[in-house]
PDB file of N, CA and C in Angstrom:
ATOM      1  N   MET A   1     -45.922  13.207  37.325  1.00  0.00           N
ATOM      2  CA  MET A   1     -44.566  12.903  37.767  1.00  0.00           C
ATOM      3  C   MET A   1     -44.538  11.448  38.265  1.00  0.00           C
ATOM      4  N   GLY A   2     -43.630  10.677  37.708  1.00  0.00           N
ATOM      5  CA  GLY A   2     -43.480   9.284  38.115  1.00  0.00           C
ATOM      6  C   GLY A   2     -42.453   9.169  39.226  1.00  0.00           C
ATOM      7  N   SER A   3     -41.850   8.019  39.298  1.00  0.00           N
ATOM      8  CA  SER A   3     -40.791   7.831  40.292  1.00  0.00           C
ATOM      9  C   SER A   3     -39.579   8.659  39.879  1.00  0.00           C
ATOM     10  N   LEU A   4     -38.744   8.938  40.837  1.00  0.00           N
ATOM     11  CA  LEU A   4     -37.519   9.686  40.550  1.00  0.00           C
ATOM     12  C   LEU A   4     -36.689   8.961  39.503  1.00  0.00           C
ATOM     13  N   ALA A   5     -36.540   7.653  39.671  1.00  0.00           N
ATOM     14  CA  ALA A   5     -35.721   6.871  38.740  1.00  0.00           C
ATOM     15  C   ALA A   5     -36.241   6.998  37.307  1.00  0.00           C
ATOM     16  N   ALA A   6     -37.547   6.859  37.127  1.00  0.00           N
ATOM     17  CA  ALA A   6     -38.139   6.959  35.788  1.00  0.00           C
ATOM     18  C   ALA A   6     -37.952   8.357  35.219  1.00  0.00           C
ATOM     19  N   ASP A   7     -38.114   9.367  36.070  1.00  0.00           N
ATOM     20  CA  ASP A   7     -37.939  10.753  35.614  1.00  0.00           C
ATOM     21  C   ASP A   7     -36.493  11.033  35.213  1.00  0.00           C
ATOM     22  N   LEU A   8     -35.540  10.467  35.948  1.00  0.00           N
ATOM     23  CA  LEU A   8     -34.127  10.661  35.593  1.00  0.00           C
ATOM     24  C   LEU A   8     -33.855  10.073  34.209  1.00  0.00           C
ATOM     25  N   LYS A   9     -34.338   8.858  33.981  1.00  0.00           N
ATOM     26  CA  LYS A   9     -34.118   8.202  32.694  1.00  0.00           C
ATOM     27  C   LYS A   9     -34.770   9.001  31.568  1.00  0.00           C
ATOM     28  N   THR A  10     -35.983   9.487  31.798  1.00  0.00           N
ATOM     29  CA  THR A  10     -36.697  10.280  30.794  1.00  0.00           C
ATOM     30  C   THR A  10     -35.919  11.541  30.447  1.00  0.00           C
ATOM     31  N   GLU A  11     -35.425  12.231  31.475  1.00  0.00           N
ATOM     32  CA  GLU A  11     -34.659  13.463  31.246  1.00  0.00           C
ATOM     33  C   GLU A  11     -33.382  13.170  30.462  1.00  0.00           C
ATOM     34  N   ARG A  12     -32.703  12.084  30.807  1.00  0.00           N
ATOM     35  CA  ARG A  12     -31.472  11.727  30.088  1.00  0.00           C
ATOM     36  C   ARG A  12     -31.780  11.435  28.625  1.00  0.00           C
ATOM     37  N   GLU A  13     -32.841  10.675  28.391  1.00  0.00           N
ATOM     38  CA  GLU A  13     -33.200  10.327  27.012  1.00  0.00           C
ATOM     39  C   GLU A  13     -33.624  11.555  26.220  1.00  0.00           C
ATOM     40  N   LYS A  14     -34.323  12.503  26.867  1.00  0.00           N
ATOM     41  CA  LYS A  14     -34.713  13.751  26.196  1.00  0.00           C
ATOM     42  C   LYS A  14     -33.488  14.519  25.719  1.00  0.00           C
ATOM     43  N   ARG A  15     -32.426  14.430  26.510  1.00  0.00           N
ATOM     44  CA  ARG A  15     -31.192  15.146  26.176  1.00  0.00           C
ATOM     45  C   ARG A  15     -30.307  14.337  25.220  1.00  0.00           C
ATOM     46  N   ASN A  16     -30.768  13.137  24.898  1.00  0.00           N
ATOM     47  CA  ASN A  16     -30.045  12.262  23.965  1.00  0.00           C
ATOM     48  C   ASN A  16     -28.622  11.975  24.448  1.00  0.00           C
ATOM     49  N   VAL A  17     -28.523  11.645  25.737  1.00  0.00           N
ATOM     50  CA  VAL A  17     -27.231  11.318  26.344  1.00  0.00           C
ATOM     51  C   VAL A  17     -27.277   9.849  26.758  1.00  0.00           C
ATOM     52  N   SER A  18     -26.252   9.107  26.416  1.00  0.00           N
ATOM     53  CA  SER A  18     -26.213   7.688  26.787  1.00  0.00           C
ATOM     54  C   SER A  18     -25.706   7.526  28.220  1.00  0.00           C
ATOM     55  N   LEU A  19     -26.103   6.420  28.829  1.00  0.00           N
ATOM     56  CA  LEU A  19     -25.574   6.115  30.163  1.00  0.00           C
ATOM     57  C   LEU A  19     -24.062   5.931  30.099  1.00  0.00           C
ATOM     58  N   ALA A  20     -23.581   5.380  28.991  1.00  0.00           N
ATOM     59  CA  ALA A  20     -22.132   5.190  28.830  1.00  0.00           C
ATOM     60  C   ALA A  20     -21.412   6.544  28.864  1.00  0.00           C
ATOM     61  N   ARG A  21     -22.040   7.567  28.280  1.00  0.00           N
ATOM     62  CA  ARG A  21     -21.453   8.919  28.281  1.00  0.00           C
ATOM     63  C   ARG A  21     -21.383   9.467  29.714  1.00  0.00           C
ATOM     64  N   ILE A  22     -22.466   9.266  30.470  1.00  0.00           N
ATOM     65  CA  ILE A  22     -22.477   9.733  31.857  1.00  0.00           C
ATOM     66  C   ILE A  22     -21.442   8.961  32.665  1.00  0.00           C
ATOM     67  N   ALA A  23     -21.339   7.659  32.420  1.00  0.00           N
ATOM     68  CA  ALA A  23     -20.341   6.840  33.126  1.00  0.00           C
ATOM     69  C   ALA A  23     -18.938   7.371  32.850  1.00  0.00           C
ATOM     70  N   ALA A  24     -18.671   7.717  31.603  1.00  0.00           N
ATOM     71  CA  ALA A  24     -17.349   8.241  31.241  1.00  0.00           C
ATOM     72  C   ALA A  24     -17.111   9.608  31.881  1.00  0.00           C
ATOM     73  N   ASP A  25     -18.136  10.459  31.878  1.00  0.00           N
ATOM     74  CA  ASP A  25     -18.005  11.809  32.442  1.00  0.00           C
ATOM     75  C   ASP A  25     -17.839  11.798  33.952  1.00  0.00           C
ATOM     76  N   THR A  26     -18.561  10.894  34.615  1.00  0.00           N
ATOM     77  CA  THR A  26     -18.586  10.907  36.078  1.00  0.00           C
ATOM     78  C   THR A  26     -17.662   9.874  36.712  1.00  0.00           C
ATOM     79  N   ARG A  27     -17.187   8.929  35.895  1.00  0.00           N
ATOM     80  CA  ARG A  27     -16.371   7.805  36.381  1.00  0.00           C
ATOM     81  C   ARG A  27     -17.153   6.921  37.361  1.00  0.00           C
ATOM     82  N   ILE A  28     -18.471   6.888  37.159  1.00  0.00           N
ATOM     83  CA  ILE A  28     -19.331   6.003  37.942  1.00  0.00           C
ATOM     84  C   ILE A  28     -19.630   4.792  37.066  1.00  0.00           C
ATOM     85  N   SER A  29     -19.566   3.618  37.656  1.00  0.00           N
ATOM     86  CA  SER A  29     -19.786   2.391  36.900  1.00  0.00           C
ATOM     87  C   SER A  29     -21.166   2.384  36.237  1.00  0.00           C
ATOM     88  N   LEU A  30     -21.205   1.864  35.029  1.00  0.00           N
ATOM     89  CA  LEU A  30     -22.451   1.751  34.269  1.00  0.00           C
ATOM     90  C   LEU A  30     -23.477   0.958  35.080  1.00  0.00           C
ATOM     91  N   HIS A  31     -23.032  -0.068  35.776  1.00  0.00           N
ATOM     92  CA  HIS A  31     -23.927  -0.886  36.607  1.00  0.00           C
ATOM     93  C   HIS A  31     -24.637  -0.020  37.646  1.00  0.00           C
ATOM     94  N   TYR A  32     -23.907   0.860  38.301  1.00  0.00           N
ATOM     95  CA  TYR A  32     -24.514   1.725  39.320  1.00  0.00           C
ATOM     96  C   TYR A  32     -25.475   2.726  38.693  1.00  0.00           C
ATOM     97  N   LEU A  33     -25.124   3.255  37.538  1.00  0.00           N
ATOM     98  CA  LEU A  33     -26.016   4.204  36.866  1.00  0.00           C
ATOM     99  C   LEU A  33     -27.310   3.515  36.436  1.00  0.00           C
ATOM    100  N   GLU A  34     -27.199   2.286  35.960  1.00  0.00           N
ATOM    101  CA  GLU A  34     -28.400   1.530  35.591  1.00  0.00           C
ATOM    102  C   GLU A  34     -29.271   1.294  36.820  1.00  0.00           C
ATOM    103  N   SER A  35     -28.647   0.958  37.936  1.00  0.00           N
ATOM    104  CA  SER A  35     -29.393   0.746  39.182  1.00  0.00           C
ATOM    105  C   SER A  35     -30.105   2.028  39.605  1.00  0.00           C
ATOM    106  N   LEU A  36     -29.431   3.147  39.460  1.00  0.00           N
ATOM    107  CA  LEU A  36     -30.015   4.441  39.812  1.00  0.00           C
ATOM    108  C   LEU A  36     -31.253   4.712  38.964  1.00  0.00           C
ATOM    109  N   GLU A  37     -31.144   4.501  37.669  1.00  0.00           N
ATOM    110  CA  GLU A  37     -32.267   4.760  36.765  1.00  0.00           C
ATOM    111  C   GLU A  37     -33.397   3.738  36.902  1.00  0.00           C
ATOM    112  N   ASP A  38     -33.089   2.573  37.427  1.00  0.00           N
ATOM    113  CA  ASP A  38     -34.113   1.545  37.636  1.00  0.00           C
ATOM    114  C   ASP A  38     -34.729   1.626  39.024  1.00  0.00           C
ATOM    115  N   GLY A  39     -34.215   2.541  39.863  1.00  0.00           N
ATOM    116  CA  GLY A  39     -34.737   2.691  41.212  1.00  0.00           C
ATOM    117  C   GLY A  39     -34.307   1.569  42.146  1.00  0.00           C
ATOM    118  N   ARG A  40     -33.261   0.865  41.756  1.00  0.00           N
ATOM    119  CA  ARG A  40     -32.737  -0.233  42.594  1.00  0.00           C
ATOM    120  C   ARG A  40     -31.652   0.336  43.515  1.00  0.00           C
ATOM    121  N   TYR A  41     -32.063   1.175  44.438  1.00  0.00           N
ATOM    122  CA  TYR A  41     -31.109   1.860  45.306  1.00  0.00           C
ATOM    123  C   TYR A  41     -30.339   0.889  46.187  1.00  0.00           C
ATOM    124  N   GLY A  42     -30.931  -0.271  46.473  1.00  0.00           N
ATOM    125  CA  GLY A  42     -30.263  -1.282  47.276  1.00  0.00           C
ATOM    126  C   GLY A  42     -29.042  -1.886  46.590  1.00  0.00           C
ATOM    127  N   ASP A  43     -28.965  -1.742  45.253  1.00  0.00           N
ATOM    128  CA  ASP A  43     -27.817  -2.250  44.499  1.00  0.00           C
ATOM    129  C   ASP A  43     -26.647  -1.268  44.488  1.00  0.00           C
ATOM    130  N   LEU A  44     -26.879  -0.074  45.017  1.00  0.00           N
ATOM    131  CA  LEU A  44     -25.821   0.941  45.084  1.00  0.00           C
ATOM    132  C   LEU A  44     -25.012   0.729  46.359  1.00  0.00           C
ATOM    133  N   PRO A  45     -23.809   1.323  46.439  1.00  0.00           N
ATOM    134  CA  PRO A  45     -22.951   1.093  47.611  1.00  0.00           C
ATOM    135  C   PRO A  45     -23.572   1.574  48.922  1.00  0.00           C
ATOM    136  N   GLY A  46     -24.459   2.550  48.857  1.00  0.00           N
ATOM    137  CA  GLY A  46     -25.136   3.024  50.065  1.00  0.00           C
ATOM    138  C   GLY A  46     -24.610   4.346  50.583  1.00  0.00           C
ATOM    139  N   GLY A  47     -25.385   4.911  51.496  1.00  0.00           N
ATOM    140  CA  GLY A  47     -25.005   6.133  52.203  1.00  0.00           C
ATOM    141  C   GLY A  47     -24.590   7.280  51.317  1.00  0.00           C
ATOM    142  N   MET A  48     -23.457   7.859  51.678  1.00  0.00           N
ATOM    143  CA  MET A  48     -22.982   9.053  50.973  1.00  0.00           C
ATOM    144  C   MET A  48     -22.651   8.768  49.506  1.00  0.00           C
ATOM    145  N   TYR A  49     -22.317   7.526  49.182  1.00  0.00           N
ATOM    146  CA  TYR A  49     -22.012   7.196  47.787  1.00  0.00           C
ATOM    147  C   TYR A  49     -23.240   7.372  46.905  1.00  0.00           C
ATOM    148  N   ASN A  50     -24.389   6.911  47.396  1.00  0.00           N
ATOM    149  CA  ASN A  50     -25.611   7.059  46.606  1.00  0.00           C
ATOM    150  C   ASN A  50     -25.885   8.528  46.311  1.00  0.00           C
ATOM    151  N   ARG A  51     -25.742   9.352  47.317  1.00  0.00           N
ATOM    152  CA  ARG A  51     -25.990  10.788  47.137  1.00  0.00           C
ATOM    153  C   ARG A  51     -24.950  11.413  46.206  1.00  0.00           C
ATOM    154  N   ALA A  52     -23.707  10.999  46.336  1.00  0.00           N
ATOM    155  CA  ALA A  52     -22.651  11.529  45.464  1.00  0.00           C
ATOM    156  C   ALA A  52     -22.890  11.105  44.020  1.00  0.00           C
ATOM    157  N   PHE A  53     -23.302   9.859  43.807  1.00  0.00           N
ATOM    158  CA  PHE A  53     -23.603   9.383  42.454  1.00  0.00           C
ATOM    159  C   PHE A  53     -24.753  10.183  41.867  1.00  0.00           C
ATOM    160  N   LEU A  54     -25.788  10.414  42.668  1.00  0.00           N
ATOM    161  CA  LEU A  54     -26.948  11.148  42.183  1.00  0.00           C
ATOM    162  C   LEU A  54     -26.580  12.594  41.856  1.00  0.00           C
ATOM    163  N   ARG A  55     -25.758  13.206  42.698  1.00  0.00           N
ATOM    164  CA  ARG A  55     -25.320  14.588  42.421  1.00  0.00           C
ATOM    165  C   ARG A  55     -24.511  14.656  41.123  1.00  0.00           C
ATOM    166  N   ALA A  56     -23.601  13.708  40.944  1.00  0.00           N
ATOM    167  CA  ALA A  56     -22.781  13.692  39.727  1.00  0.00           C
ATOM    168  C   ALA A  56     -23.654  13.466  38.490  1.00  0.00           C
ATOM    169  N   TYR A  57     -24.640  12.590  38.609  1.00  0.00           N
ATOM    170  CA  TYR A  57     -25.578  12.331  37.510  1.00  0.00           C
ATOM    171  C   TYR A  57     -26.305  13.632  37.151  1.00  0.00           C
ATOM    172  N   CYS A  58     -26.816  14.335  38.172  1.00  0.00           N
ATOM    173  CA  CYS A  58     -27.523  15.604  37.955  1.00  0.00           C
ATOM    174  C   CYS A  58     -26.614  16.638  37.299  1.00  0.00           C
ATOM    175  N   GLU A  59     -25.395  16.720  37.786  1.00  0.00           N
ATOM    176  CA  GLU A  59     -24.439  17.685  37.244  1.00  0.00           C
ATOM    177  C   GLU A  59     -24.148  17.373  35.777  1.00  0.00           C
ATOM    178  N   SER A  60     -24.012  16.099  35.465  1.00  0.00           N
ATOM    179  CA  SER A  60     -23.716  15.684  34.105  1.00  0.00           C
ATOM    180  C   SER A  60     -24.826  16.089  33.137  1.00  0.00           C
ATOM    181  N   LEU A  61     -26.075  16.084  33.625  1.00  0.00           N
ATOM    182  CA  LEU A  61     -27.218  16.428  32.773  1.00  0.00           C
ATOM    183  C   LEU A  61     -27.753  17.834  33.023  1.00  0.00           C
ATOM    184  N   ASN A  62     -27.081  18.565  33.915  1.00  0.00           N
ATOM    185  CA  ASN A  62     -27.499  19.921  34.265  1.00  0.00           C
ATOM    186  C   ASN A  62     -28.929  19.929  34.818  1.00  0.00           C
ATOM    187  N   LEU A  63     -29.207  19.018  35.745  1.00  0.00           N
ATOM    188  CA  LEU A  63     -30.506  18.948  36.405  1.00  0.00           C
ATOM    189  C   LEU A  63     -30.443  19.677  37.741  1.00  0.00           C
ATOM    190  N   ASP A  64     -31.595  20.054  38.273  1.00  0.00           N
ATOM    191  CA  ASP A  64     -31.690  20.755  39.553  1.00  0.00           C
ATOM    192  C   ASP A  64     -31.346  19.782  40.683  1.00  0.00           C
ATOM    193  N   GLN A  65     -30.125  19.856  41.172  1.00  0.00           N
ATOM    194  CA  GLN A  65     -29.653  18.910  42.191  1.00  0.00           C
ATOM    195  C   GLN A  65     -30.483  18.968  43.462  1.00  0.00           C
ATOM    196  N   GLN A  66     -30.828  20.162  43.908  1.00  0.00           N
ATOM    197  CA  GLN A  66     -31.558  20.291  45.167  1.00  0.00           C
ATOM    198  C   GLN A  66     -32.919  19.596  45.075  1.00  0.00           C
ATOM    199  N   GLN A  67     -33.624  19.822  43.994  1.00  0.00           N
ATOM    200  CA  GLN A  67     -34.938  19.206  43.814  1.00  0.00           C
ATOM    201  C   GLN A  67     -34.819  17.680  43.721  1.00  0.00           C
ATOM    202  N   ILE A  68     -33.842  17.216  42.965  1.00  0.00           N
ATOM    203  CA  ILE A  68     -33.639  15.773  42.793  1.00  0.00           C
ATOM    204  C   ILE A  68     -33.273  15.137  44.132  1.00  0.00           C
ATOM    205  N   MET A  69     -32.401  15.772  44.889  1.00  0.00           N
ATOM    206  CA  MET A  69     -31.982  15.214  46.179  1.00  0.00           C
ATOM    207  C   MET A  69     -33.161  15.154  47.163  1.00  0.00           C
ATOM    208  N   GLN A  70     -34.021  16.165  47.136  1.00  0.00           N
ATOM    209  CA  GLN A  70     -35.197  16.144  48.002  1.00  0.00           C
ATOM    210  C   GLN A  70     -36.113  14.982  47.631  1.00  0.00           C
ATOM    211  N   ARG A  71     -36.309  14.778  46.348  1.00  0.00           N
ATOM    212  CA  ARG A  71     -37.148  13.658  45.911  1.00  0.00           C
ATOM    213  C   ARG A  71     -36.514  12.327  46.305  1.00  0.00           C
ATOM    214  N   TYR A  72     -35.206  12.215  46.149  1.00  0.00           N
ATOM    215  CA  TYR A  72     -34.506  10.986  46.522  1.00  0.00           C
ATOM    216  C   TYR A  72     -34.694  10.704  48.007  1.00  0.00           C
ATOM    217  N   GLU A  73     -34.454  11.712  48.833  1.00  0.00           N
ATOM    218  CA  GLU A  73     -34.604  11.547  50.279  1.00  0.00           C
ATOM    219  C   GLU A  73     -36.031  11.127  50.620  1.00  0.00           C
ATOM    220  N   GLY A  74     -37.007  11.693  49.925  1.00  0.00           N
ATOM    221  CA  GLY A  74     -38.404  11.335  50.154  1.00  0.00           C
ATOM    222  C   GLY A  74     -38.693   9.889  49.795  1.00  0.00           C
ATOM    223  N   GLU A  75     -38.079   9.416  48.716  1.00  0.00           N
ATOM    224  CA  GLU A  75     -38.313   8.047  48.279  1.00  0.00           C
ATOM    225  C   GLU A  75     -37.641   7.019  49.170  1.00  0.00           C
ATOM    226  N   ILE A  76     -36.495   7.362  49.738  1.00  0.00           N
ATOM    227  CA  ILE A  76     -35.788   6.367  50.541  1.00  0.00           C
ATOM    228  C   ILE A  76     -36.171   6.408  52.025  1.00  0.00           C
ATOM    229  N   ALA A  77     -36.905   7.453  52.428  1.00  0.00           N
ATOM    230  CA  ALA A  77     -37.310   7.556  53.833  1.00  0.00           C
ATOM    231  C   ALA A  77     -38.184   6.356  54.193  1.00  0.00           C
ATOM    232  N   SER A  78     -37.987   5.850  55.370  1.00  0.00           N
ATOM    233  CA  SER A  78     -38.821   4.730  55.808  1.00  0.00           C
ATOM    234  C   SER A  78     -40.244   5.224  56.025  1.00  0.00           C
ATOM    235  N   PRO A  79     -41.241   4.367  55.879  1.00  0.00           N
ATOM    236  CA  PRO A  79     -42.637   4.794  56.048  1.00  0.00           C
ATOM    237  C   PRO A  79     -42.887   5.477  57.396  1.00  0.00           C
ATOM    238  N   ALA A  80     -42.175   5.087  58.433  1.00  0.00           N
ATOM    239  CA  ALA A  80     -42.354   5.691  59.755  1.00  0.00           C
ATOM    240  C   ALA A  80     -41.886   7.149  59.781  1.00  0.00           C
ATOM    241  N   GLU A  81     -40.959   7.497  58.887  1.00  0.00           N
ATOM    242  CA  GLU A  81     -40.411   8.855  58.857  1.00  0.00           C
ATOM    243  C   GLU A  81     -41.275   9.792  58.034  1.00  0.00           C
ATOM    244  N   LYS A  82     -42.160   9.233  57.213  1.00  0.00           N
ATOM    245  CA  LYS A  82     -42.980  10.085  56.324  1.00  0.00           C
ATOM    246  C   LYS A  82     -44.163  10.674  57.059  1.00  0.00           C
TER     247      LYS A  82
END
């Protein structure tokens, strides 16, 4: 298992779904979806928006939202919190 971002991109590609399709389905900007898949969380609006974008992405691809959200929270936690 790689980073969450890499795994998301791999899962999307396995399903043969374009980022443009997810952008159209979720109404999330392509720029934000690219940032999500590249693990550039700092380029996202932040806070609840990041989580909402990730949930919508998961829903669009029928991924396990709970598992993905746990991994996301683990990746963004500061080293002191781990």
